[in-house]
Amino acid sequence: MDELLARYEEWNDFLIRIRDEDWNVPLGEGKWSIHDVVSHILFWDRYFRETAVERIAQGLNPTWNELDFDRFNREAAEKGRRLSKEELIEQTRKCRKAILDTIRSMDEVRRSGTYTDADGEAFDLEAYLKEFVDHDRHHMRQIEEVLLTSGRSRPE
């Protein structure tokens, strides 16, 4: 779990290396900007923290449930556009750190347990974290690729 949490923390380090002038670069024609991608991850982190991590830390089942992903993502990008780059980075880093701190403070029984979410499905912190690390890395590769192909340097 410690290795997995370290990989989950990489997003925060990656985020601060994106240069100011690259923040609004789109990932492709008609696609989200880097700012939108960061918003998308922030709002998923908030949802994860509120509906799963905090509840599990309290010994409760998660209230996590399947959402309309397209709608959630669209709304996340829209809400994020109301935040400056600095506000978005601060909120994203703070939320991810809160998740990490809460999980690290849990005993092994809570961290490794399988819970029942609001849809009656099994919910497992480790499985979710593995999926989200892959998700983070997918977006990190997208960002690096668009910056390289547009003649910009990748985040250092």
N, C-alpha and C. Protein backbone atom coordinates (compact mmCIF):
# COMPACT_ATOMS: atom_id res chain seq x y z
N MET A 1 0.83 -1.20 0.00
CA MET A 1 0.00 0.00 0.00
C MET A 1 0.87 1.26 0.00
N ASP A 2 2.00 1.24 0.70
CA ASP A 2 2.86 2.43 0.76
C ASP A 2 3.37 2.81 -0.63
N GLU A 3 3.76 1.82 -1.41
CA GLU A 3 4.23 2.07 -2.78
C GLU A 3 3.09 2.66 -3.62
N LEU A 4 1.91 2.12 -3.47
CA LEU A 4 0.74 2.60 -4.21
C LEU A 4 0.41 4.05 -3.84
N LEU A 5 0.48 4.36 -2.56
CA LEU A 5 0.21 5.73 -2.12
C LEU A 5 1.28 6.69 -2.65
N ALA A 6 2.51 6.24 -2.72
CA ALA A 6 3.59 7.08 -3.28
C ALA A 6 3.31 7.37 -4.75
N ARG A 7 2.83 6.38 -5.49
CA ARG A 7 2.50 6.60 -6.90
C ARG A 7 1.29 7.52 -7.03
N TYR A 8 0.34 7.40 -6.12
CA TYR A 8 -0.85 8.26 -6.13
C TYR A 8 -0.46 9.72 -5.85
N GLU A 9 0.61 9.90 -5.09
CA GLU A 9 1.09 11.23 -4.74
C GLU A 9 1.82 11.91 -5.91
N GLU A 10 2.25 11.16 -6.90
CA GLU A 10 3.01 11.71 -8.03
C GLU A 10 2.26 12.81 -8.77
N TRP A 11 0.94 12.73 -8.79
CA TRP A 11 0.15 13.75 -9.49
C TRP A 11 0.46 15.15 -8.95
N ASN A 12 0.54 15.27 -7.63
CA ASN A 12 0.81 16.57 -7.03
C ASN A 12 2.16 17.12 -7.47
N ASP A 13 3.15 16.26 -7.58
CA ASP A 13 4.48 16.70 -8.02
C ASP A 13 4.46 17.09 -9.49
N PHE A 14 3.75 16.33 -10.30
CA PHE A 14 3.65 16.61 -11.73
C PHE A 14 2.98 17.96 -11.97
N LEU A 15 1.94 18.20 -11.25
CA LEU A 15 1.11 19.39 -11.41
C LEU A 15 1.88 20.69 -11.30
N ILE A 16 2.76 20.78 -10.34
CA ILE A 16 3.48 22.03 -10.11
C ILE A 16 4.57 22.27 -11.14
N ARG A 17 4.86 21.28 -11.97
CA ARG A 17 5.89 21.43 -13.00
C ARG A 17 5.33 21.93 -14.33
N ILE A 18 4.01 22.06 -14.43
CA ILE A 18 3.42 22.58 -15.67
C ILE A 18 3.62 24.09 -15.70
N ARG A 19 4.22 24.55 -16.75
CA ARG A 19 4.53 25.97 -16.87
C ARG A 19 3.25 26.80 -17.06
N ASP A 20 3.30 28.03 -16.59
CA ASP A 20 2.15 28.93 -16.68
C ASP A 20 1.64 29.06 -18.11
N GLU A 21 2.54 29.21 -19.06
CA GLU A 21 2.14 29.43 -20.45
C GLU A 21 1.53 28.19 -21.10
N ASP A 22 1.63 27.04 -20.46
CA ASP A 22 1.09 25.81 -21.03
C ASP A 22 -0.28 25.44 -20.44
N TRP A 23 -0.70 26.16 -19.45
CA TRP A 23 -1.89 25.78 -18.68
C TRP A 23 -3.15 25.65 -19.53
N ASN A 24 -3.31 26.49 -20.53
CA ASN A 24 -4.53 26.47 -21.35
C ASN A 24 -4.36 25.77 -22.68
N VAL A 25 -3.27 25.05 -22.84
CA VAL A 25 -3.04 24.29 -24.07
C VAL A 25 -4.05 23.15 -24.14
N PRO A 26 -4.78 23.02 -25.26
CA PRO A 26 -5.73 21.90 -25.38
C PRO A 26 -4.98 20.60 -25.69
N LEU A 27 -5.55 19.48 -25.29
CA LEU A 27 -4.94 18.18 -25.55
C LEU A 27 -5.11 17.74 -27.00
N GLY A 28 -5.87 18.49 -27.73
CA GLY A 28 -6.11 18.22 -29.15
C GLY A 28 -7.25 19.10 -29.60
N GLU A 29 -7.53 19.05 -30.88
CA GLU A 29 -8.61 19.87 -31.41
C GLU A 29 -9.94 19.43 -30.79
N GLY A 30 -10.65 20.39 -30.20
CA GLY A 30 -11.94 20.11 -29.58
C GLY A 30 -11.84 19.36 -28.26
N LYS A 31 -10.64 19.26 -27.71
CA LYS A 31 -10.45 18.52 -26.45
C LYS A 31 -10.19 19.49 -25.31
N TRP A 32 -10.20 18.93 -24.12
CA TRP A 32 -9.94 19.71 -22.92
C TRP A 32 -8.57 20.35 -22.94
N SER A 33 -8.45 21.45 -22.19
CA SER A 33 -7.15 22.05 -21.94
C SER A 33 -6.51 21.32 -20.75
N ILE A 34 -5.26 21.61 -20.51
CA ILE A 34 -4.58 21.05 -19.34
C ILE A 34 -5.32 21.48 -18.08
N HIS A 35 -5.76 22.72 -18.03
CA HIS A 35 -6.54 23.23 -16.89
C HIS A 35 -7.79 22.37 -16.66
N ASP A 36 -8.48 22.02 -17.73
CA ASP A 36 -9.68 21.18 -17.62
C ASP A 36 -9.36 19.79 -17.08
N VAL A 37 -8.24 19.23 -17.51
CA VAL A 37 -7.83 17.90 -17.04
C VAL A 37 -7.58 17.94 -15.53
N VAL A 38 -6.89 18.98 -15.09
CA VAL A 38 -6.62 19.11 -13.66
C VAL A 38 -7.93 19.27 -12.89
N SER A 39 -8.87 20.03 -13.42
CA SER A 39 -10.19 20.19 -12.78
C SER A 39 -10.89 18.84 -12.67
N HIS A 40 -10.85 18.10 -13.73
CA HIS A 40 -11.47 16.77 -13.79
C HIS A 40 -10.92 15.89 -12.66
N ILE A 41 -9.61 15.90 -12.48
CA ILE A 41 -9.00 15.07 -11.44
C ILE A 41 -9.35 15.61 -10.05
N LEU A 42 -9.34 16.92 -9.89
CA LEU A 42 -9.72 17.50 -8.59
C LEU A 42 -11.12 17.05 -8.18
N PHE A 43 -12.07 17.14 -9.08
CA PHE A 43 -13.44 16.81 -8.69
C PHE A 43 -13.64 15.32 -8.45
N TRP A 44 -12.89 14.47 -9.16
CA TRP A 44 -12.94 13.04 -8.84
C TRP A 44 -12.31 12.78 -7.49
N ASP A 45 -11.21 13.46 -7.19
CA ASP A 45 -10.58 13.32 -5.87
C ASP A 45 -11.54 13.74 -4.76
N ARG A 46 -12.23 14.86 -4.96
CA ARG A 46 -13.19 15.31 -3.94
C ARG A 46 -14.28 14.26 -3.73
N TYR A 47 -14.79 13.74 -4.82
CA TYR A 47 -15.85 12.74 -4.73
C TYR A 47 -15.33 11.50 -3.99
N PHE A 48 -14.15 11.05 -4.33
CA PHE A 48 -13.52 9.89 -3.69
C PHE A 48 -13.31 10.15 -2.20
N ARG A 49 -12.80 11.33 -1.88
CA ARG A 49 -12.55 11.67 -0.48
C ARG A 49 -13.85 11.68 0.33
N GLU A 50 -14.86 12.37 -0.21
CA GLU A 50 -16.11 12.55 0.54
C GLU A 50 -16.94 11.28 0.62
N THR A 51 -17.00 10.51 -0.44
CA THR A 51 -17.91 9.36 -0.47
C THR A 51 -17.26 8.04 -0.10
N ALA A 52 -15.92 8.02 -0.04
CA ALA A 52 -15.25 6.76 0.27
C ALA A 52 -14.23 6.90 1.39
N VAL A 53 -13.19 7.67 1.17
CA VAL A 53 -12.07 7.72 2.11
C VAL A 53 -12.50 8.17 3.50
N GLU A 54 -13.20 9.29 3.59
CA GLU A 54 -13.61 9.80 4.90
C GLU A 54 -14.56 8.83 5.60
N ARG A 55 -15.44 8.22 4.85
CA ARG A 55 -16.40 7.29 5.44
C ARG A 55 -15.70 6.02 5.94
N ILE A 56 -14.81 5.49 5.14
CA ILE A 56 -14.07 4.29 5.56
C ILE A 56 -13.25 4.59 6.80
N ALA A 57 -12.62 5.77 6.85
CA ALA A 57 -11.83 6.16 8.02
C ALA A 57 -12.70 6.20 9.28
N GLN A 58 -13.99 6.49 9.11
CA GLN A 58 -14.92 6.55 10.24
C GLN A 58 -15.55 5.19 10.54
N GLY A 59 -15.16 4.16 9.80
CA GLY A 59 -15.72 2.82 10.01
C GLY A 59 -17.06 2.62 9.34
N LEU A 60 -17.38 3.45 8.34
CA LEU A 60 -18.66 3.37 7.63
C LEU A 60 -18.46 2.86 6.21
N ASN A 61 -19.51 2.35 5.63
CA ASN A 61 -19.46 1.97 4.22
C ASN A 61 -19.45 3.23 3.36
N PRO A 62 -18.80 3.15 2.22
CA PRO A 62 -18.81 4.30 1.31
C PRO A 62 -20.20 4.59 0.77
N THR A 63 -20.44 5.84 0.45
CA THR A 63 -21.68 6.23 -0.23
C THR A 63 -21.41 6.40 -1.72
N TRP A 64 -20.22 6.01 -2.14
CA TRP A 64 -19.82 6.03 -3.55
C TRP A 64 -20.86 5.31 -4.38
N ASN A 65 -21.21 5.88 -5.52
CA ASN A 65 -22.09 5.18 -6.44
C ASN A 65 -21.70 5.56 -7.86
N GLU A 66 -22.12 4.74 -8.79
CA GLU A 66 -21.82 4.99 -10.21
C GLU A 66 -22.55 6.27 -10.63
N LEU A 67 -21.83 7.11 -11.29
CA LEU A 67 -22.37 8.38 -11.76
C LEU A 67 -22.42 8.39 -13.28
N ASP A 68 -23.06 9.37 -13.81
CA ASP A 68 -22.99 9.64 -15.24
C ASP A 68 -21.63 10.31 -15.46
N PHE A 69 -20.65 9.51 -15.89
CA PHE A 69 -19.28 10.00 -16.00
C PHE A 69 -19.16 11.21 -16.91
N ASP A 70 -19.83 11.17 -18.05
CA ASP A 70 -19.73 12.29 -18.99
C ASP A 70 -20.23 13.58 -18.36
N ARG A 71 -21.36 13.49 -17.69
CA ARG A 71 -21.92 14.68 -17.03
C ARG A 71 -21.00 15.17 -15.91
N PHE A 72 -20.53 14.24 -15.08
CA PHE A 72 -19.64 14.59 -13.98
C PHE A 72 -18.39 15.29 -14.52
N ASN A 73 -17.79 14.71 -15.55
CA ASN A 73 -16.57 15.28 -16.12
C ASN A 73 -16.82 16.65 -16.75
N ARG A 74 -17.92 16.79 -17.44
CA ARG A 74 -18.27 18.08 -18.06
C ARG A 74 -18.45 19.15 -16.99
N GLU A 75 -19.18 18.81 -15.92
CA GLU A 75 -19.41 19.76 -14.83
C GLU A 75 -18.12 20.08 -14.10
N ALA A 76 -17.25 19.09 -13.93
CA ALA A 76 -15.97 19.33 -13.27
C ALA A 76 -15.13 20.32 -14.06
N ALA A 77 -15.07 20.15 -15.37
CA ALA A 77 -14.30 21.07 -16.21
C ALA A 77 -14.90 22.48 -16.14
N GLU A 78 -16.23 22.56 -16.18
CA GLU A 78 -16.89 23.87 -16.12
C GLU A 78 -16.63 24.57 -14.79
N LYS A 79 -16.73 23.85 -13.69
CA LYS A 79 -16.47 24.44 -12.37
C LYS A 79 -15.02 24.86 -12.25
N GLY A 80 -14.13 24.04 -12.78
CA GLY A 80 -12.71 24.35 -12.70
C GLY A 80 -12.33 25.60 -13.47
N ARG A 81 -13.06 25.90 -14.53
CA ARG A 81 -12.76 27.10 -15.32
C ARG A 81 -13.01 28.38 -14.53
N ARG A 82 -13.76 28.28 -13.44
CA ARG A 82 -14.00 29.45 -12.59
C ARG A 82 -12.86 29.67 -11.60
N LEU A 83 -11.89 28.76 -11.60
CA LEU A 83 -10.76 28.87 -10.70
C LEU A 83 -9.52 29.30 -11.47
N SER A 84 -8.71 30.11 -10.85
CA SER A 84 -7.43 30.46 -11.47
C SER A 84 -6.51 29.24 -11.41
N LYS A 85 -5.45 29.28 -12.17
CA LYS A 85 -4.47 28.19 -12.14
C LYS A 85 -3.99 27.97 -10.71
N GLU A 86 -3.68 29.04 -10.01
CA GLU A 86 -3.15 28.93 -8.65
C GLU A 86 -4.18 28.31 -7.70
N GLU A 87 -5.44 28.75 -7.82
CA GLU A 87 -6.50 28.18 -6.97
C GLU A 87 -6.70 26.70 -7.27
N LEU A 88 -6.69 26.37 -8.54
CA LEU A 88 -6.90 24.98 -8.93
C LEU A 88 -5.76 24.10 -8.44
N ILE A 89 -4.54 24.55 -8.59
CA ILE A 89 -3.39 23.78 -8.10
C ILE A 89 -3.48 23.61 -6.59
N GLU A 90 -3.76 24.70 -5.89
CA GLU A 90 -3.84 24.63 -4.43
C GLU A 90 -4.92 23.65 -3.98
N GLN A 91 -6.11 23.76 -4.55
CA GLN A 91 -7.20 22.87 -4.15
C GLN A 91 -6.90 21.42 -4.52
N THR A 92 -6.31 21.21 -5.68
CA THR A 92 -6.00 19.85 -6.12
C THR A 92 -4.97 19.21 -5.20
N ARG A 93 -3.90 19.93 -4.93
CA ARG A 93 -2.85 19.41 -4.06
C ARG A 93 -3.37 19.17 -2.64
N LYS A 94 -4.17 20.10 -2.14
CA LYS A 94 -4.72 19.97 -0.78
C LYS A 94 -5.65 18.76 -0.68
N CYS A 95 -6.49 18.58 -1.67
CA CYS A 95 -7.43 17.45 -1.66
C CYS A 95 -6.68 16.12 -1.74
N ARG A 96 -5.73 16.04 -2.66
CA ARG A 96 -4.97 14.79 -2.81
C ARG A 96 -4.19 14.50 -1.52
N LYS A 97 -3.61 15.52 -0.91
CA LYS A 97 -2.87 15.33 0.34
C LYS A 97 -3.81 14.86 1.45
N ALA A 98 -5.01 15.41 1.50
CA ALA A 98 -5.98 14.99 2.52
C ALA A 98 -6.34 13.51 2.35
N ILE A 99 -6.50 13.10 1.11
CA ILE A 99 -6.78 11.68 0.85
C ILE A 99 -5.63 10.82 1.34
N LEU A 100 -4.43 11.20 0.95
CA LEU A 100 -3.24 10.44 1.34
C LEU A 100 -3.08 10.39 2.85
N ASP A 101 -3.22 11.53 3.50
CA ASP A 101 -3.07 11.58 4.97
C ASP A 101 -4.11 10.71 5.65
N THR A 102 -5.34 10.76 5.16
CA THR A 102 -6.41 9.97 5.78
C THR A 102 -6.15 8.48 5.60
N ILE A 103 -5.80 8.08 4.41
CA ILE A 103 -5.53 6.65 4.18
C ILE A 103 -4.33 6.20 4.99
N ARG A 104 -3.30 7.00 5.03
CA ARG A 104 -2.10 6.63 5.81
C ARG A 104 -2.39 6.54 7.30
N SER A 105 -3.40 7.28 7.77
CA SER A 105 -3.74 7.24 9.19
C SER A 105 -4.61 6.05 9.56
N MET A 106 -5.16 5.37 8.56
CA MET A 106 -6.03 4.22 8.83
C MET A 106 -5.20 3.01 9.25
N ASP A 107 -5.80 2.17 10.07
CA ASP A 107 -5.12 0.91 10.38
C ASP A 107 -5.24 -0.03 9.18
N GLU A 108 -4.47 -1.06 9.20
CA GLU A 108 -4.41 -1.99 8.06
C GLU A 108 -5.76 -2.64 7.77
N VAL A 109 -6.53 -2.91 8.79
CA VAL A 109 -7.85 -3.54 8.59
C VAL A 109 -8.75 -2.64 7.75
N ARG A 110 -8.78 -1.37 8.08
CA ARG A 110 -9.62 -0.44 7.30
C ARG A 110 -9.08 -0.25 5.89
N ARG A 111 -7.76 -0.10 5.77
CA ARG A 111 -7.17 0.14 4.45
C ARG A 111 -7.36 -1.04 3.50
N SER A 112 -7.32 -2.23 4.04
CA SER A 112 -7.38 -3.41 3.16
C SER A 112 -8.77 -4.04 3.09
N GLY A 113 -9.74 -3.45 3.75
CA GLY A 113 -11.08 -4.03 3.77
C GLY A 113 -11.81 -3.86 2.44
N THR A 114 -12.80 -4.70 2.27
CA THR A 114 -13.71 -4.56 1.13
C THR A 114 -15.05 -4.12 1.70
N TYR A 115 -15.57 -3.06 1.11
CA TYR A 115 -16.79 -2.44 1.62
C TYR A 115 -17.90 -2.54 0.59
N THR A 116 -19.10 -2.22 1.00
CA THR A 116 -20.23 -2.20 0.08
C THR A 116 -20.59 -0.75 -0.17
N ASP A 117 -20.58 -0.35 -1.45
CA ASP A 117 -20.89 1.04 -1.77
C ASP A 117 -22.40 1.24 -1.88
N ALA A 118 -22.82 2.44 -2.24
CA ALA A 118 -24.24 2.79 -2.29
C ALA A 118 -25.01 2.00 -3.35
N ASP A 119 -24.31 1.46 -4.34
CA ASP A 119 -24.95 0.64 -5.37
C ASP A 119 -24.98 -0.83 -5.00
N GLY A 120 -24.48 -1.17 -3.80
CA GLY A 120 -24.44 -2.56 -3.37
C GLY A 120 -23.26 -3.32 -3.95
N GLU A 121 -22.32 -2.61 -4.54
CA GLU A 121 -21.13 -3.22 -5.15
C GLU A 121 -19.97 -3.21 -4.16
N ALA A 122 -19.03 -4.11 -4.38
CA ALA A 122 -17.83 -4.15 -3.55
C ALA A 122 -16.97 -2.93 -3.85
N PHE A 123 -16.44 -2.32 -2.81
CA PHE A 123 -15.55 -1.18 -2.96
C PHE A 123 -14.30 -1.46 -2.15
N ASP A 124 -13.15 -1.31 -2.80
CA ASP A 124 -11.86 -1.65 -2.22
C ASP A 124 -10.91 -0.47 -2.48
N LEU A 125 -10.37 0.11 -1.42
CA LEU A 125 -9.48 1.27 -1.56
C LEU A 125 -8.29 0.98 -2.47
N GLU A 126 -7.66 -0.15 -2.26
CA GLU A 126 -6.48 -0.48 -3.05
C GLU A 126 -6.80 -0.59 -4.54
N ALA A 127 -7.89 -1.24 -4.86
CA ALA A 127 -8.28 -1.38 -6.27
C ALA A 127 -8.58 -0.01 -6.87
N TYR A 128 -9.28 0.84 -6.13
CA TYR A 128 -9.58 2.17 -6.64
C TYR A 128 -8.29 2.95 -6.87
N LEU A 129 -7.39 2.92 -5.89
CA LEU A 129 -6.14 3.66 -6.02
C LEU A 129 -5.34 3.18 -7.23
N LYS A 130 -5.30 1.88 -7.45
CA LYS A 130 -4.58 1.35 -8.62
C LYS A 130 -5.19 1.91 -9.91
N GLU A 131 -6.50 1.91 -9.99
CA GLU A 131 -7.18 2.45 -11.17
C GLU A 131 -6.88 3.93 -11.35
N PHE A 132 -6.90 4.68 -10.25
CA PHE A 132 -6.69 6.11 -10.38
C PHE A 132 -5.25 6.46 -10.66
N VAL A 133 -4.30 5.67 -10.17
CA VAL A 133 -2.89 5.89 -10.54
C VAL A 133 -2.75 5.72 -12.05
N ASP A 134 -3.37 4.69 -12.60
CA ASP A 134 -3.35 4.50 -14.05
C ASP A 134 -4.01 5.68 -14.76
N HIS A 135 -5.10 6.16 -14.21
CA HIS A 135 -5.82 7.31 -14.76
C HIS A 135 -4.94 8.56 -14.73
N ASP A 136 -4.29 8.81 -13.59
CA ASP A 136 -3.36 9.94 -13.48
C ASP A 136 -2.27 9.85 -14.54
N ARG A 137 -1.68 8.67 -14.64
CA ARG A 137 -0.56 8.49 -15.58
C ARG A 137 -1.02 8.65 -17.02
N HIS A 138 -2.23 8.24 -17.32
CA HIS A 138 -2.79 8.44 -18.66
C HIS A 138 -2.80 9.94 -18.98
N HIS A 139 -3.32 10.73 -18.06
CA HIS A 139 -3.39 12.17 -18.29
C HIS A 139 -2.01 12.81 -18.29
N MET A 140 -1.10 12.32 -17.48
CA MET A 140 0.26 12.85 -17.48
C MET A 140 0.92 12.61 -18.84
N ARG A 141 0.73 11.42 -19.39
CA ARG A 141 1.28 11.12 -20.72
C ARG A 141 0.65 12.01 -21.79
N GLN A 142 -0.68 12.21 -21.70
CA GLN A 142 -1.35 13.10 -22.65
C GLN A 142 -0.76 14.51 -22.60
N ILE A 143 -0.58 15.01 -21.42
CA ILE A 143 -0.05 16.36 -21.25
C ILE A 143 1.37 16.45 -21.78
N GLU A 144 2.19 15.49 -21.41
CA GLU A 144 3.58 15.49 -21.90
C GLU A 144 3.61 15.41 -23.43
N GLU A 145 2.79 14.55 -23.99
CA GLU A 145 2.77 14.37 -25.44
C GLU A 145 2.33 15.64 -26.17
N VAL A 146 1.27 16.28 -25.70
CA VAL A 146 0.80 17.49 -26.39
C VAL A 146 1.82 18.61 -26.27
N LEU A 147 2.50 18.69 -25.15
CA LEU A 147 3.51 19.74 -25.00
C LEU A 147 4.72 19.47 -25.91
N LEU A 148 5.10 18.21 -26.02
CA LEU A 148 6.22 17.88 -26.91
C LEU A 148 5.87 18.08 -28.38
N THR A 149 4.69 17.64 -28.77
CA THR A 149 4.31 17.75 -30.18
C THR A 149 4.00 19.18 -30.60
N SER A 150 3.72 20.05 -29.62
CA SER A 150 3.46 21.45 -29.96
C SER A 150 4.73 22.29 -29.86
N GLY A 151 5.86 21.63 -29.67
CA GLY A 151 7.13 22.34 -29.60
C GLY A 151 7.42 22.94 -28.24
N ARG A 152 6.64 22.59 -27.27
CA ARG A 152 6.86 23.08 -25.91
C ARG A 152 7.63 22.01 -25.16
N SER A 153 8.17 22.37 -24.03
CA SER A 153 8.88 21.36 -23.26
C SER A 153 7.92 20.69 -22.30
N ARG A 154 8.18 19.44 -22.01
CA ARG A 154 7.34 18.72 -21.07
C ARG A 154 7.58 19.21 -19.66
N PRO A 155 6.64 18.97 -18.77
CA PRO A 155 6.83 19.40 -17.38
C PRO A 155 8.13 18.81 -16.84
N GLU A 156 8.90 19.66 -16.19
CA GLU A 156 10.23 19.24 -15.70
C GLU A 156 10.16 18.63 -14.33
